[in-house]
Every structure is written in C-alpha cells, then in structure tokens.
C-alpha cells in the first residue's frame, strides 16, 4: 500500500481524539453551536419581517435548539419555515 499522505495522517489524529468522551463532547458542542449561529443568521436574512435584528434570529435559534419554544419569534415566510424545518 502507498505511503500515507499528510491529509490522511491529520484525519487519523482527529478521529483518534473524537473517540474519547471528551473529544466527542467537544465535537458535539462545536457542531451544535455552529448550527445555532448559522441558523440564527440565516433566519435574520431570510425572514426579515419576523426577525428584524441578528439578536432576534439568535434568540429564535437558541429557543429552537433547547426546545424551549416560547413562541415570541416564529418564522412567517415559506423560506423561513423551510429553514426552521431544516
């Protein structure tokens, strides 16, 4: 078999870290935080009437991720509802 490339070695090191409970927790927290931030920003851009500021989009995203769902901010447009469904 051919010699491992630098990318393959780097990927193996990252996968080895994820196999520990601490590494898995870091990956889960990072992915969840990233998705929350991206969804909040997207909602602010897509559904400007319901989410006039970045803060309101982030508030909606945090409510959605934590399943609190106060209902004070909800998407109204079809595009906003599509993003919320994703």
N, C-alpha and C. Protein backbone atom coordinates (compact mmCIF):
# COMPACT_ATOMS: atom_id res chain seq x y z
N UNK A 1 0.84 -1.17 0.00
CA UNK A 1 0.00 0.00 0.00
C UNK A 1 0.89 1.24 0.00
N UNK A 2 0.43 2.28 -0.63
CA UNK A 2 1.20 3.52 -0.74
C UNK A 2 1.35 4.19 0.62
N UNK A 3 2.32 5.02 0.71
CA UNK A 3 2.58 5.76 1.95
C UNK A 3 1.44 6.73 2.24
N UNK A 4 1.13 6.91 3.52
CA UNK A 4 0.05 7.82 3.90
C UNK A 4 0.40 9.26 3.56
N UNK A 5 -0.59 9.98 3.13
CA UNK A 5 -0.37 11.39 2.85
C UNK A 5 -0.53 12.20 4.13
N UNK A 6 -0.16 13.43 4.07
CA UNK A 6 -0.25 14.31 5.23
C UNK A 6 -1.72 14.49 5.65
N UNK A 7 -2.61 14.58 4.69
CA UNK A 7 -4.04 14.74 5.00
C UNK A 7 -4.57 13.50 5.71
N UNK A 8 -4.17 12.34 5.27
CA UNK A 8 -4.61 11.10 5.91
C UNK A 8 -4.12 11.01 7.35
N UNK A 9 -2.87 11.39 7.59
CA UNK A 9 -2.34 11.38 8.96
C UNK A 9 -3.09 12.36 9.84
N UNK A 10 -3.37 13.54 9.33
CA UNK A 10 -4.10 14.56 10.09
C UNK A 10 -5.52 14.07 10.42
N UNK A 11 -6.16 13.45 9.45
CA UNK A 11 -7.51 12.93 9.67
C UNK A 11 -7.50 11.82 10.71
N UNK A 12 -6.52 10.95 10.66
CA UNK A 12 -6.42 9.88 11.66
C UNK A 12 -6.23 10.43 13.06
N UNK A 13 -5.42 11.48 13.20
CA UNK A 13 -5.22 12.10 14.52
C UNK A 13 -6.53 12.69 15.04
N UNK A 14 -7.26 13.36 14.16
CA UNK A 14 -8.53 13.96 14.60
C UNK A 14 -9.55 12.90 14.98
N UNK A 15 -9.62 11.84 14.21
CA UNK A 15 -10.55 10.76 14.54
C UNK A 15 -10.18 10.08 15.85
N UNK A 16 -8.89 9.97 16.13
CA UNK A 16 -8.45 9.37 17.39
C UNK A 16 -8.90 10.23 18.58
N UNK A 17 -8.87 11.55 18.42
CA UNK A 17 -9.31 12.44 19.51
C UNK A 17 -10.81 12.35 19.73
N UNK A 18 -11.57 12.18 18.66
CA UNK A 18 -13.02 12.11 18.77
C UNK A 18 -13.46 10.82 19.46
N UNK A 19 -12.64 9.81 19.43
CA UNK A 19 -13.04 8.54 20.02
C UNK A 19 -13.03 8.57 21.55
N UNK A 20 -12.50 9.62 22.15
CA UNK A 20 -12.55 9.75 23.60
C UNK A 20 -13.83 10.51 23.98
N UNK A 21 -14.36 10.29 25.17
CA UNK A 21 -15.57 11.01 25.58
C UNK A 21 -15.40 12.53 25.54
N UNK A 22 -14.25 13.00 25.96
CA UNK A 22 -14.02 14.45 25.95
C UNK A 22 -13.99 14.98 24.51
N UNK A 23 -13.33 14.26 23.63
CA UNK A 23 -13.27 14.67 22.23
C UNK A 23 -14.64 14.67 21.58
N UNK A 24 -15.44 13.64 21.89
CA UNK A 24 -16.79 13.58 21.34
C UNK A 24 -17.64 14.74 21.85
N UNK A 25 -17.50 15.09 23.12
CA UNK A 25 -18.26 16.21 23.68
C UNK A 25 -17.87 17.52 23.02
N UNK A 26 -16.59 17.69 22.73
CA UNK A 26 -16.13 18.91 22.07
C UNK A 26 -16.71 19.00 20.66
N UNK A 27 -16.71 17.90 19.94
CA UNK A 27 -17.26 17.89 18.58
C UNK A 27 -18.75 18.18 18.62
N UNK A 28 -19.48 17.54 19.51
CA UNK A 28 -20.93 17.76 19.60
C UNK A 28 -21.23 19.21 19.96
N UNK A 29 -20.52 19.78 20.92
CA UNK A 29 -20.75 21.17 21.32
C UNK A 29 -20.40 22.13 20.18
N UNK A 30 -19.31 21.85 19.49
CA UNK A 30 -18.90 22.72 18.38
C UNK A 30 -19.90 22.71 17.23
N UNK A 31 -20.36 21.52 16.87
CA UNK A 31 -21.32 21.41 15.77
C UNK A 31 -22.65 22.07 16.16
N UNK A 32 -23.12 21.82 17.37
CA UNK A 32 -24.38 22.41 17.82
C UNK A 32 -24.29 23.93 17.84
N UNK A 33 -23.20 24.47 18.36
CA UNK A 33 -23.03 25.92 18.40
C UNK A 33 -22.96 26.50 16.99
N UNK A 34 -22.24 25.85 16.11
CA UNK A 34 -22.13 26.34 14.72
C UNK A 34 -23.48 26.35 14.03
N UNK A 35 -24.23 25.27 14.16
CA UNK A 35 -25.54 25.20 13.52
C UNK A 35 -26.47 26.27 14.09
N UNK A 36 -26.42 26.50 15.39
CA UNK A 36 -27.26 27.52 16.02
C UNK A 36 -26.93 28.90 15.49
N UNK A 37 -25.65 29.23 15.42
CA UNK A 37 -25.25 30.55 14.92
C UNK A 37 -25.62 30.73 13.45
N UNK A 38 -25.38 29.73 12.65
CA UNK A 38 -25.70 29.81 11.22
C UNK A 38 -27.20 29.93 11.01
N UNK A 39 -27.99 29.14 11.72
CA UNK A 39 -29.45 29.19 11.57
C UNK A 39 -30.00 30.54 12.01
N UNK A 40 -29.49 31.08 13.10
CA UNK A 40 -29.95 32.40 13.56
C UNK A 40 -29.64 33.48 12.56
N UNK A 41 -28.44 33.44 11.98
CA UNK A 41 -28.07 34.44 10.97
C UNK A 41 -28.89 34.26 9.70
N UNK A 42 -29.09 33.01 9.28
CA UNK A 42 -29.90 32.76 8.08
C UNK A 42 -31.33 33.24 8.27
N UNK A 43 -31.89 33.00 9.44
CA UNK A 43 -33.27 33.41 9.68
C UNK A 43 -33.40 34.92 9.63
N UNK A 44 -32.40 35.64 10.12
CA UNK A 44 -32.42 37.10 10.08
C UNK A 44 -32.40 37.60 8.64
N UNK A 45 -31.65 36.95 7.79
CA UNK A 45 -31.55 37.35 6.39
C UNK A 45 -32.80 36.95 5.61
N UNK A 46 -33.30 35.75 5.83
CA UNK A 46 -34.40 35.21 5.03
C UNK A 46 -35.76 35.75 5.45
N UNK A 47 -36.03 35.82 6.74
CA UNK A 47 -37.35 36.24 7.23
C UNK A 47 -37.20 37.56 8.00
N UNK A 48 -36.89 38.62 7.26
CA UNK A 48 -36.57 39.93 7.85
C UNK A 48 -37.74 40.54 8.61
N UNK A 49 -38.98 40.24 8.21
CA UNK A 49 -40.15 40.82 8.89
C UNK A 49 -40.29 40.29 10.32
N UNK A 50 -40.12 39.02 10.50
CA UNK A 50 -40.27 38.41 11.82
C UNK A 50 -39.02 38.53 12.67
N UNK A 51 -37.87 38.63 12.02
CA UNK A 51 -36.58 38.69 12.72
C UNK A 51 -35.80 39.91 12.25
N UNK A 52 -36.16 41.11 12.75
CA UNK A 52 -35.55 42.34 12.25
C UNK A 52 -34.08 42.54 12.66
N UNK A 53 -33.63 41.85 13.67
CA UNK A 53 -32.25 42.02 14.12
C UNK A 53 -31.57 40.66 14.25
N UNK A 54 -30.25 40.69 14.26
CA UNK A 54 -29.49 39.46 14.44
C UNK A 54 -29.79 38.84 15.80
N UNK A 55 -30.00 39.69 16.80
CA UNK A 55 -30.33 39.19 18.13
C UNK A 55 -31.63 38.39 18.16
N UNK A 56 -32.63 38.85 17.43
CA UNK A 56 -33.90 38.11 17.41
C UNK A 56 -33.74 36.77 16.69
N UNK A 57 -32.92 36.74 15.64
CA UNK A 57 -32.65 35.47 14.96
C UNK A 57 -31.90 34.50 15.85
N UNK A 58 -30.94 35.02 16.59
CA UNK A 58 -30.18 34.16 17.51
C UNK A 58 -31.08 33.68 18.66
N UNK A 59 -31.94 34.55 19.15
CA UNK A 59 -32.87 34.17 20.22
C UNK A 59 -33.76 33.03 19.75
N UNK A 60 -34.28 33.13 18.53
CA UNK A 60 -35.12 32.06 17.98
C UNK A 60 -34.32 30.77 17.87
N UNK A 61 -33.06 30.86 17.38
CA UNK A 61 -32.25 29.65 17.19
C UNK A 61 -31.96 28.97 18.52
N UNK A 62 -31.63 29.75 19.55
CA UNK A 62 -31.36 29.16 20.87
C UNK A 62 -32.63 28.52 21.44
N UNK A 63 -33.77 29.18 21.29
CA UNK A 63 -35.04 28.61 21.76
C UNK A 63 -35.33 27.29 21.04
N UNK A 64 -35.05 27.25 19.75
CA UNK A 64 -35.33 26.06 18.97
C UNK A 64 -34.41 24.91 19.35
N UNK A 65 -33.12 25.19 19.48
CA UNK A 65 -32.15 24.15 19.82
C UNK A 65 -32.41 23.59 21.21
N UNK A 66 -32.78 24.44 22.15
CA UNK A 66 -33.01 23.99 23.52
C UNK A 66 -34.43 23.48 23.73
N UNK A 67 -35.23 23.49 22.69
CA UNK A 67 -36.63 23.05 22.70
C UNK A 67 -37.49 23.79 23.71
N UNK A 68 -37.14 25.03 24.03
CA UNK A 68 -37.98 25.84 24.92
C UNK A 68 -39.18 26.34 24.14
N UNK A 69 -38.94 26.98 22.99
CA UNK A 69 -40.00 27.41 22.10
C UNK A 69 -41.04 28.31 22.73
N UNK A 70 -40.64 29.48 23.20
CA UNK A 70 -41.60 30.41 23.80
C UNK A 70 -42.68 30.83 22.82
N UNK A 71 -42.34 30.91 21.54
CA UNK A 71 -43.32 31.31 20.54
C UNK A 71 -43.36 32.80 20.30
N UNK A 72 -42.46 33.57 20.92
CA UNK A 72 -42.47 35.01 20.69
C UNK A 72 -41.85 35.37 19.34
N UNK A 73 -41.02 34.51 18.79
CA UNK A 73 -40.45 34.69 17.44
C UNK A 73 -40.70 33.42 16.66
N UNK A 74 -41.47 33.54 15.59
CA UNK A 74 -41.73 32.38 14.73
C UNK A 74 -41.57 32.81 13.27
N UNK A 75 -41.08 31.93 12.42
CA UNK A 75 -40.94 32.28 11.00
C UNK A 75 -42.32 32.37 10.34
N UNK A 76 -42.47 33.38 9.48
CA UNK A 76 -43.75 33.60 8.81
C UNK A 76 -43.67 33.24 7.34
N UNK A 77 -42.57 33.57 6.69
CA UNK A 77 -42.45 33.31 5.26
C UNK A 77 -42.18 31.83 5.00
N UNK A 78 -42.47 31.41 3.78
CA UNK A 78 -42.21 29.99 3.41
C UNK A 78 -40.73 29.66 3.53
N UNK A 79 -39.88 30.59 3.08
CA UNK A 79 -38.43 30.35 3.16
C UNK A 79 -38.01 30.23 4.61
N UNK A 80 -38.53 31.07 5.49
CA UNK A 80 -38.20 31.00 6.91
C UNK A 80 -38.68 29.69 7.53
N UNK A 81 -39.85 29.25 7.13
CA UNK A 81 -40.37 27.99 7.65
C UNK A 81 -39.54 26.81 7.14
N UNK A 82 -39.03 26.92 5.90
CA UNK A 82 -38.18 25.87 5.36
C UNK A 82 -36.88 25.77 6.14
N UNK A 83 -36.27 26.93 6.44
CA UNK A 83 -35.04 26.94 7.23
C UNK A 83 -35.31 26.36 8.61
N UNK A 84 -36.44 26.72 9.21
CA UNK A 84 -36.78 26.20 10.54
C UNK A 84 -36.96 24.68 10.49
N UNK A 85 -37.53 24.17 9.43
CA UNK A 85 -37.72 22.72 9.31
C UNK A 85 -36.38 21.99 9.16
N UNK A 86 -35.44 22.64 8.48
CA UNK A 86 -34.11 22.01 8.33
C UNK A 86 -33.40 21.99 9.67
